[in-house]
Amino acid sequence: MKSQILLNNDYLPFELQEHLKKLVSYYNHERYHEALNNLTPADLFYGQGEKILELRETIKRNTLAMRCLLYTSDAADE
């Protein structure tokens, strides 16, 4: 957080406060954390972690199945 603050030139106290609010919001609600299975802290705090991981797994399985079908149909065309 300190390194991010030092990158900006905040000349007035309210500019620094706004920058800190944005930084904390980004960190908690938008930035995925590898240590949290690529979830945001807000996802875990609000209890959505398992639901998101299940949805990702479903998407992954469907994508792999679709690729398999495309591969087998391309191989059959040759």
C-alpha atoms as a PDB file:
ATOM      1  CA  MET A   1       0.000   0.000   0.000  1.00  0.00           C
ATOM      2  CA  LYS A   2       2.829   2.332   0.858  1.00  0.00           C
ATOM      3  CA  SER A   3       4.472   1.893  -2.529  1.00  0.00           C
ATOM      4  CA  GLN A   4       1.193   2.693  -4.291  1.00  0.00           C
ATOM      5  CA  ILE A   5       0.728   5.855  -2.252  1.00  0.00           C
ATOM      6  CA  LEU A   6       4.263   6.998  -2.994  1.00  0.00           C
ATOM      7  CA  LEU A   7       3.657   6.668  -6.748  1.00  0.00           C
ATOM      8  CA  ASN A   8       1.017   9.423  -6.683  1.00  0.00           C
ATOM      9  CA  ASN A   9       1.557  13.068  -5.956  1.00  0.00           C
ATOM     10  CA  ASP A  10      -1.227  13.986  -3.574  1.00  0.00           C
ATOM     11  CA  TYR A  11      -0.852  17.644  -2.705  1.00  0.00           C
ATOM     12  CA  LEU A  12      -3.832  18.032  -0.417  1.00  0.00           C
ATOM     13  CA  PRO A  13      -5.050  15.806   2.427  1.00  0.00           C
ATOM     14  CA  PHE A  14      -8.417  15.100   0.799  1.00  0.00           C
ATOM     15  CA  GLU A  15      -6.631  13.887  -2.359  1.00  0.00           C
ATOM     16  CA  LEU A  16      -4.698  11.383  -0.263  1.00  0.00           C
ATOM     17  CA  GLN A  17      -7.907  10.271   1.479  1.00  0.00           C
ATOM     18  CA  GLU A  18      -9.659   9.707  -1.865  1.00  0.00           C
ATOM     19  CA  HIS A  19      -6.677   7.810  -3.195  1.00  0.00           C
ATOM     20  CA  LEU A  20      -6.614   5.589  -0.107  1.00  0.00           C
ATOM     21  CA  LYS A  21     -10.351   4.859  -0.427  1.00  0.00           C
ATOM     22  CA  LYS A  22      -9.911   3.825  -4.044  1.00  0.00           C
ATOM     23  CA  LEU A  23      -6.884   1.702  -3.221  1.00  0.00           C
ATOM     24  CA  VAL A  24      -8.629  -0.134  -0.364  1.00  0.00           C
ATOM     25  CA  SER A  25     -11.752  -0.676  -2.477  1.00  0.00           C
ATOM     26  CA  TYR A  26      -9.682  -2.084  -5.334  1.00  0.00           C
ATOM     27  CA  TYR A  27      -7.718  -4.339  -2.999  1.00  0.00           C
ATOM     28  CA  ASN A  28     -10.828  -5.739  -1.308  1.00  0.00           C
ATOM     29  CA  HIS A  29     -13.323  -5.909  -4.183  1.00  0.00           C
ATOM     30  CA  GLU A  30     -11.460  -6.189  -7.492  1.00  0.00           C
ATOM     31  CA  ARG A  31      -7.974  -7.628  -6.998  1.00  0.00           C
ATOM     32  CA  TYR A  32      -7.815 -11.405  -7.035  1.00  0.00           C
ATOM     33  CA  HIS A  33      -5.516 -12.906  -4.404  1.00  0.00           C
ATOM     34  CA  GLU A  34      -3.636 -16.060  -5.261  1.00  0.00           C
ATOM     35  CA  ALA A  35      -3.532 -17.072  -1.593  1.00  0.00           C
ATOM     36  CA  LEU A  36      -7.364 -16.949  -1.571  1.00  0.00           C
ATOM     37  CA  ASN A  37      -7.796 -19.279  -4.586  1.00  0.00           C
ATOM     38  CA  ASN A  38      -7.958 -16.241  -6.884  1.00  0.00           C
ATOM     39  CA  LEU A  39     -10.909 -14.741  -5.061  1.00  0.00           C
ATOM     40  CA  THR A  40     -11.223 -11.269  -3.627  1.00  0.00           C
ATOM     41  CA  PRO A  41     -11.383 -10.707   0.128  1.00  0.00           C
ATOM     42  CA  ALA A  42     -14.936  -9.390  -0.365  1.00  0.00           C
ATOM     43  CA  ASP A  43     -15.968 -12.666  -2.032  1.00  0.00           C
ATOM     44  CA  LEU A  44     -14.907 -14.586   1.048  1.00  0.00           C
ATOM     45  CA  PHE A  45     -16.269 -12.047   3.500  1.00  0.00           C
ATOM     46  CA  TYR A  46     -19.734 -12.163   1.928  1.00  0.00           C
ATOM     47  CA  GLY A  47     -19.686 -15.972   1.665  1.00  0.00           C
ATOM     48  CA  GLN A  48     -19.598 -16.179  -2.122  1.00  0.00           C
ATOM     49  CA  GLY A  49     -16.289 -18.020  -2.393  1.00  0.00           C
ATOM     50  CA  GLU A  50     -17.600 -21.561  -2.805  1.00  0.00           C
ATOM     51  CA  LYS A  51     -20.266 -20.471  -5.282  1.00  0.00           C
ATOM     52  CA  ILE A  52     -17.692 -18.665  -7.451  1.00  0.00           C
ATOM     53  CA  LEU A  53     -15.277 -21.609  -7.370  1.00  0.00           C
ATOM     54  CA  GLU A  54     -18.079 -24.022  -8.348  1.00  0.00           C
ATOM     55  CA  LEU A  55     -19.102 -21.755 -11.230  1.00  0.00           C
ATOM     56  CA  ARG A  56     -15.494 -21.570 -12.437  1.00  0.00           C
ATOM     57  CA  GLU A  57     -15.219 -25.357 -12.308  1.00  0.00           C
ATOM     58  CA  THR A  58     -18.446 -25.741 -14.319  1.00  0.00           C
ATOM     59  CA  ILE A  59     -17.193 -23.297 -16.942  1.00  0.00           C
ATOM     60  CA  LYS A  60     -13.876 -25.148 -17.106  1.00  0.00           C
ATOM     61  CA  ARG A  61     -15.576 -28.535 -17.586  1.00  0.00           C
ATOM     62  CA  ASN A  62     -17.901 -27.152 -20.280  1.00  0.00           C
ATOM     63  CA  THR A  63     -15.005 -25.517 -22.108  1.00  0.00           C
ATOM     64  CA  LEU A  64     -12.956 -28.705 -22.059  1.00  0.00           C
ATOM     65  CA  ALA A  65     -15.933 -30.737 -23.301  1.00  0.00           C
ATOM     66  CA  MET A  66     -16.518 -28.256 -26.130  1.00  0.00           C
ATOM     67  CA  ARG A  67     -12.845 -28.374 -27.125  1.00  0.00           C
ATOM     68  CA  CYS A  68     -12.947 -32.159 -27.095  1.00  0.00           C
ATOM     69  CA  LEU A  69     -15.973 -32.154 -29.410  1.00  0.00           C
ATOM     70  CA  LEU A  70     -14.297 -29.697 -31.763  1.00  0.00           C
ATOM     71  CA  TYR A  71     -11.099 -31.727 -31.799  1.00  0.00           C
ATOM     72  CA  THR A  72     -12.870 -35.004 -32.493  1.00  0.00           C
ATOM     73  CA  SER A  73     -15.058 -33.480 -35.222  1.00  0.00           C
ATOM     74  CA  ASP A  74     -11.982 -31.890 -36.890  1.00  0.00           C
ATOM     75  CA  ALA A  75     -10.136 -35.211 -36.704  1.00  0.00           C
ATOM     76  CA  ALA A  76     -13.126 -37.025 -38.253  1.00  0.00           C
ATOM     77  CA  ASP A  77     -13.259 -34.501 -41.139  1.00  0.00           C
ATOM     78  CA  GLU A  78      -9.674 -35.313 -42.153  1.00  0.00           C
END
